[in-house]
Amino acid sequence: MARAVMYSTRLCPYCIRARRLLRRHGIPFEERLMRRRDRAELASLGGGLTYPQLVIGGRVVDGFSELHRLEREGSLTRIMRAE
């Protein structure tokens, strides 16, 4: 199974939704709670500067909207099984 990392903040509503979506699908993930000063780390990944930012199997998933789109298309399961 691919490794999933979520860069997030505690109170971000989209981060909360992303956590729920990942848990609903039984996808294990490492969560890294970020502060504003940590945005340089996000930028180095090639993703956006908004939260959440997800890296799944080395692929940057830029935010909750993208994660939700992958779920709707059925691509999320394929990405997780890729490794």
Protein backbone atom coordinates (compact mmCIF):
# COMPACT_ATOMS: atom_id res chain seq x y z
CA MET A 1 0.00 0.00 0.00
CA ALA A 2 1.25 3.49 -0.84
CA ARG A 3 2.40 5.78 1.93
CA ALA A 4 0.13 8.77 2.64
CA VAL A 5 1.20 11.97 4.41
CA MET A 6 -1.17 14.85 5.14
CA TYR A 7 0.13 18.31 5.97
CA SER A 8 -2.62 20.03 7.89
CA THR A 9 -3.76 22.31 10.68
CA ARG A 10 -6.07 21.32 13.51
CA LEU A 11 -9.03 23.60 12.84
CA CYS A 12 -9.01 23.80 9.05
CA PRO A 13 -12.44 22.55 7.87
CA TYR A 14 -10.95 21.01 4.71
CA CYS A 15 -8.33 19.20 6.80
CA ILE A 16 -11.11 17.76 8.95
CA ARG A 17 -12.93 16.58 5.81
CA ALA A 18 -9.75 15.03 4.41
CA ARG A 19 -9.12 13.15 7.68
CA ARG A 20 -12.66 11.78 7.61
CA LEU A 21 -12.39 10.73 3.97
CA LEU A 22 -9.09 8.91 4.50
CA ARG A 23 -10.36 7.17 7.63
CA ARG A 24 -13.64 6.20 5.93
CA HIS A 25 -11.61 4.40 3.27
CA GLY A 26 -9.32 2.79 5.84
CA ILE A 27 -6.30 4.60 4.42
CA PRO A 28 -3.52 4.89 6.99
CA PHE A 29 -1.80 8.26 6.92
CA GLU A 30 0.82 10.22 8.76
CA GLU A 31 -0.39 13.67 9.73
CA ARG A 32 2.02 16.55 10.02
CA LEU A 33 0.51 19.52 11.78
CA MET A 34 1.96 22.63 10.19
CA ARG A 35 2.43 26.22 11.22
CA ARG A 36 2.60 29.18 8.88
CA ARG A 37 6.38 29.19 9.03
CA ASP A 38 6.42 25.61 7.71
CA ARG A 39 4.95 26.57 4.34
CA ALA A 40 8.38 26.48 2.72
CA GLU A 41 8.37 22.71 3.28
CA LEU A 42 5.05 22.47 1.43
CA ALA A 43 6.34 24.61 -1.41
CA SER A 44 9.37 22.32 -1.78
CA LEU A 45 7.00 19.41 -2.45
CA GLY A 46 5.59 21.18 -5.48
CA GLY A 47 2.10 21.50 -4.03
CA GLY A 48 0.09 24.57 -3.17
CA LEU A 49 0.27 26.70 -0.08
CA THR A 50 -3.17 25.86 1.24
CA TYR A 51 -4.14 23.13 3.68
CA PRO A 52 -4.45 20.22 3.56
CA GLN A 53 -1.68 19.09 1.27
CA LEU A 54 -1.41 15.37 0.75
CA VAL A 55 1.38 13.25 -0.62
CA ILE A 56 0.23 9.76 -1.56
CA GLY A 57 2.76 7.33 -2.94
CA GLY A 58 5.06 10.22 -3.83
CA ARG A 59 2.29 12.05 -5.72
CA VAL A 60 1.25 15.48 -4.46
CA VAL A 61 -2.52 15.71 -4.09
CA ASP A 62 -3.18 19.43 -3.91
CA GLY A 63 -5.91 19.89 -1.30
CA PHE A 64 -9.23 18.40 -0.31
CA SER A 65 -10.97 19.16 -3.61
CA GLU A 66 -8.41 17.07 -5.49
CA LEU A 67 -8.61 14.28 -2.91
CA HIS A 68 -12.41 14.26 -3.18
CA ARG A 69 -12.20 14.20 -6.99
CA LEU A 70 -9.88 11.17 -6.84
CA GLU A 71 -12.35 9.44 -4.54
CA ARG A 72 -15.29 10.13 -6.87
CA GLU A 73 -13.36 8.82 -9.89
CA GLY A 74 -12.22 5.70 -8.06
CA SER A 75 -8.58 6.73 -8.58
CA LEU A 76 -7.82 7.04 -4.87
CA THR A 77 -8.01 3.29 -4.35
CA ARG A 78 -5.80 2.65 -7.39
CA ILE A 79 -3.19 5.15 -6.16
CA MET A 80 -3.12 3.54 -2.72
CA ARG A 81 -2.60 0.07 -4.23
CA ALA A 82 0.15 1.29 -6.56
CA GLU A 83 3.03 0.45 -4.20
